[in-house]
C-alpha atoms as a PDB file:
ATOM      1  CA  MET A   1     -19.273 -78.520 -14.992  1.00  0.00           C
ATOM      2  CA  ILE A   2     -17.435 -81.819 -14.803  1.00  0.00           C
ATOM      3  CA  LYS A   3     -15.017 -82.035 -11.872  1.00  0.00           C
ATOM      4  CA  LYS A   4     -12.885 -84.722 -10.264  1.00  0.00           C
ATOM      5  CA  GLY A   5     -15.083 -87.090  -8.255  1.00  0.00           C
ATOM      6  CA  ALA A   6     -18.256 -86.314 -10.242  1.00  0.00           C
ATOM      7  CA  LYS A   7     -20.533 -89.099 -11.492  1.00  0.00           C
ATOM      8  CA  VAL A   8     -20.870 -89.141 -15.277  1.00  0.00           C
ATOM      9  CA  LYS A   9     -22.603 -91.209 -17.971  1.00  0.00           C
ATOM     10  CA  ILE A  10     -20.881 -92.145 -21.247  1.00  0.00           C
ATOM     11  CA  LEU A  11     -22.888 -91.030 -24.302  1.00  0.00           C
ATOM     12  CA  THR A  12     -20.950 -92.618 -27.194  1.00  0.00           C
ATOM     13  CA  GLY A  13     -18.401 -95.313 -27.991  1.00  0.00           C
ATOM     14  CA  ARG A  14     -17.947 -98.905 -26.865  1.00  0.00           C
ATOM     15  CA  ASP A  15     -18.736 -97.980 -23.237  1.00  0.00           C
ATOM     16  CA  LYS A  16     -22.027 -96.244 -24.120  1.00  0.00           C
ATOM     17  CA  ASN A  17     -24.598 -95.939 -21.286  1.00  0.00           C
ATOM     18  CA  LYS A  18     -22.053 -96.928 -18.609  1.00  0.00           C
ATOM     19  CA  GLU A  19     -21.625 -94.763 -15.529  1.00  0.00           C
ATOM     20  CA  GLY A  20     -18.482 -93.992 -13.584  1.00  0.00           C
ATOM     21  CA  GLU A  21     -16.536 -91.525 -11.468  1.00  0.00           C
ATOM     22  CA  VAL A  22     -14.074 -88.983 -12.852  1.00  0.00           C
ATOM     23  CA  ILE A  23     -10.551 -89.688 -11.557  1.00  0.00           C
ATOM     24  CA  GLU A  24      -8.521 -87.201 -13.641  1.00  0.00           C
ATOM     25  CA  ILE A  25      -9.171 -84.213 -15.913  1.00  0.00           C
ATOM     26  CA  ASP A  26      -6.999 -82.723 -18.672  1.00  0.00           C
ATOM     27  CA  ARG A  27      -8.565 -79.273 -19.119  1.00  0.00           C
ATOM     28  CA  SER A  28      -6.196 -78.114 -21.878  1.00  0.00           C
ATOM     29  CA  ASN A  29      -7.313 -80.978 -24.166  1.00  0.00           C
ATOM     30  CA  TYR A  30     -10.935 -81.218 -22.844  1.00  0.00           C
ATOM     31  CA  ARG A  31     -10.531 -84.845 -21.745  1.00  0.00           C
ATOM     32  CA  ALA A  32     -11.317 -86.857 -18.610  1.00  0.00           C
ATOM     33  CA  LYS A  33     -10.426 -90.300 -17.206  1.00  0.00           C
ATOM     34  CA  ILE A  34     -13.306 -92.326 -15.801  1.00  0.00           C
ATOM     35  CA  LYS A  35     -12.782 -95.178 -13.331  1.00  0.00           C
ATOM     36  CA  ASP A  36     -13.055 -98.619 -15.037  1.00  0.00           C
ATOM     37  CA  ILE A  37     -14.151 -97.054 -18.376  1.00  0.00           C
ATOM     38  CA  ASN A  38     -12.246 -97.034 -21.709  1.00  0.00           C
ATOM     39  CA  ILE A  39      -9.705 -99.664 -20.595  1.00  0.00           C
ATOM     40  CA  VAL A  40      -6.711-100.058 -22.931  1.00  0.00           C
ATOM     41  CA  LYS A  41      -3.714-102.414 -22.939  1.00  0.00           C
ATOM     42  CA  LYS A  42      -0.285-100.827 -22.375  1.00  0.00           C
ATOM     43  CA  HIS A  43       2.816-102.815 -23.382  1.00  0.00           C
ATOM     44  CA  VAL A  44       5.768-101.964 -21.113  1.00  0.00           C
ATOM     45  CA  LYS A  45       9.351-102.965 -21.812  1.00  0.00           C
ATOM     46  CA  THR A  46      11.388-104.466 -18.954  1.00  0.00           C
ATOM     47  CA  THR A  47      14.014-102.166 -17.405  1.00  0.00           C
ATOM     48  CA  LYS A  48      16.375-102.428 -14.456  1.00  0.00           C
ATOM     49  CA  GLU A  49      13.860-100.705 -12.172  1.00  0.00           C
ATOM     50  CA  LYS A  50      10.542-102.088 -13.459  1.00  0.00           C
ATOM     51  CA  LYS A  51       9.200-105.412 -14.620  1.00  0.00           C
ATOM     52  CA  GLY A  52       7.658-105.339 -18.095  1.00  0.00           C
ATOM     53  CA  GLY A  53       4.482-106.865 -19.425  1.00  0.00           C
ATOM     54  CA  ILE A  54       1.003-105.946 -20.583  1.00  0.00           C
ATOM     55  CA  PHE A  55      -0.947-103.693 -18.230  1.00  0.00           C
ATOM     56  CA  SER A  56      -4.556-102.496 -18.392  1.00  0.00           C
ATOM     57  CA  LYS A  57      -5.302 -98.859 -17.613  1.00  0.00           C
ATOM     58  CA  GLU A  58      -7.959 -96.204 -18.155  1.00  0.00           C
ATOM     59  CA  ASN A  59      -7.570 -93.852 -21.110  1.00  0.00           C
ATOM     60  CA  PHE A  60      -8.946 -90.344 -21.585  1.00  0.00           C
ATOM     61  CA  ILE A  61     -12.417 -89.647 -23.065  1.00  0.00           C
ATOM     62  CA  HIS A  62     -13.406 -86.316 -24.618  1.00  0.00           C
ATOM     63  CA  ILE A  63     -15.663 -84.282 -22.322  1.00  0.00           C
ATOM     64  CA  SER A  64     -18.280 -83.845 -25.094  1.00  0.00           C
ATOM     65  CA  ASN A  65     -18.965 -87.597 -24.840  1.00  0.00           C
ATOM     66  CA  LEU A  66     -19.871 -87.350 -21.133  1.00  0.00           C
ATOM     67  CA  SER A  67     -23.053 -86.322 -19.359  1.00  0.00           C
ATOM     68  CA  LEU A  68     -23.061 -85.187 -15.740  1.00  0.00           C
ATOM     69  CA  ILE A  69     -25.366 -87.127 -13.397  1.00  0.00           C
ATOM     70  CA  ASN A  70     -26.853 -84.834 -10.745  1.00  0.00           C
ATOM     71  CA  THR A  71     -27.782 -87.246  -7.977  1.00  0.00           C
ATOM     72  CA  LYS A  72     -27.110 -85.091  -4.918  1.00  0.00           C
ATOM     73  CA  GLN A  73     -27.800 -81.612  -6.256  1.00  0.00           C
ATOM     74  CA  LYS A  74     -31.268 -80.165  -5.847  1.00  0.00           C
ATOM     75  CA  ILE A  75     -32.765 -77.992  -8.545  1.00  0.00           C
ATOM     76  CA  LYS A  76     -34.058 -74.716  -7.177  1.00  0.00           C
ATOM     77  CA  LYS A  77     -37.269 -73.383  -8.679  1.00  0.00           C
ATOM     78  CA  LYS A  78     -37.791 -69.662  -9.051  1.00  0.00           C
ATOM     79  CA  GLU A  79     -40.762 -68.283  -7.192  1.00  0.00           C
ATOM     80  CA  VAL A  80     -43.302 -66.509  -9.327  1.00  0.00           C
ATOM     81  CA  LYS A  81     -44.538 -63.219  -7.904  1.00  0.00           C
ATOM     82  CA  LYS A  82     -48.229 -62.447  -8.413  1.00  0.00           C
END
């Protein structure tokens, strides 16, 4: 199961074979944000409170395009009784 903070590998798309850490999950839409992966440009209009411009940010990726990397978890083997 993919959770926040987990290490994942991208399986498809322009960021294929890259690895990153999950920073946000949208469970209702089955999507996750990965740090420094799937960067998009966001154009923001200037307002009284904020300065406008073009900002880069991470966008969501569908969970089916991710593979969990188990680096710290150990796989337990079942003992066979004779």
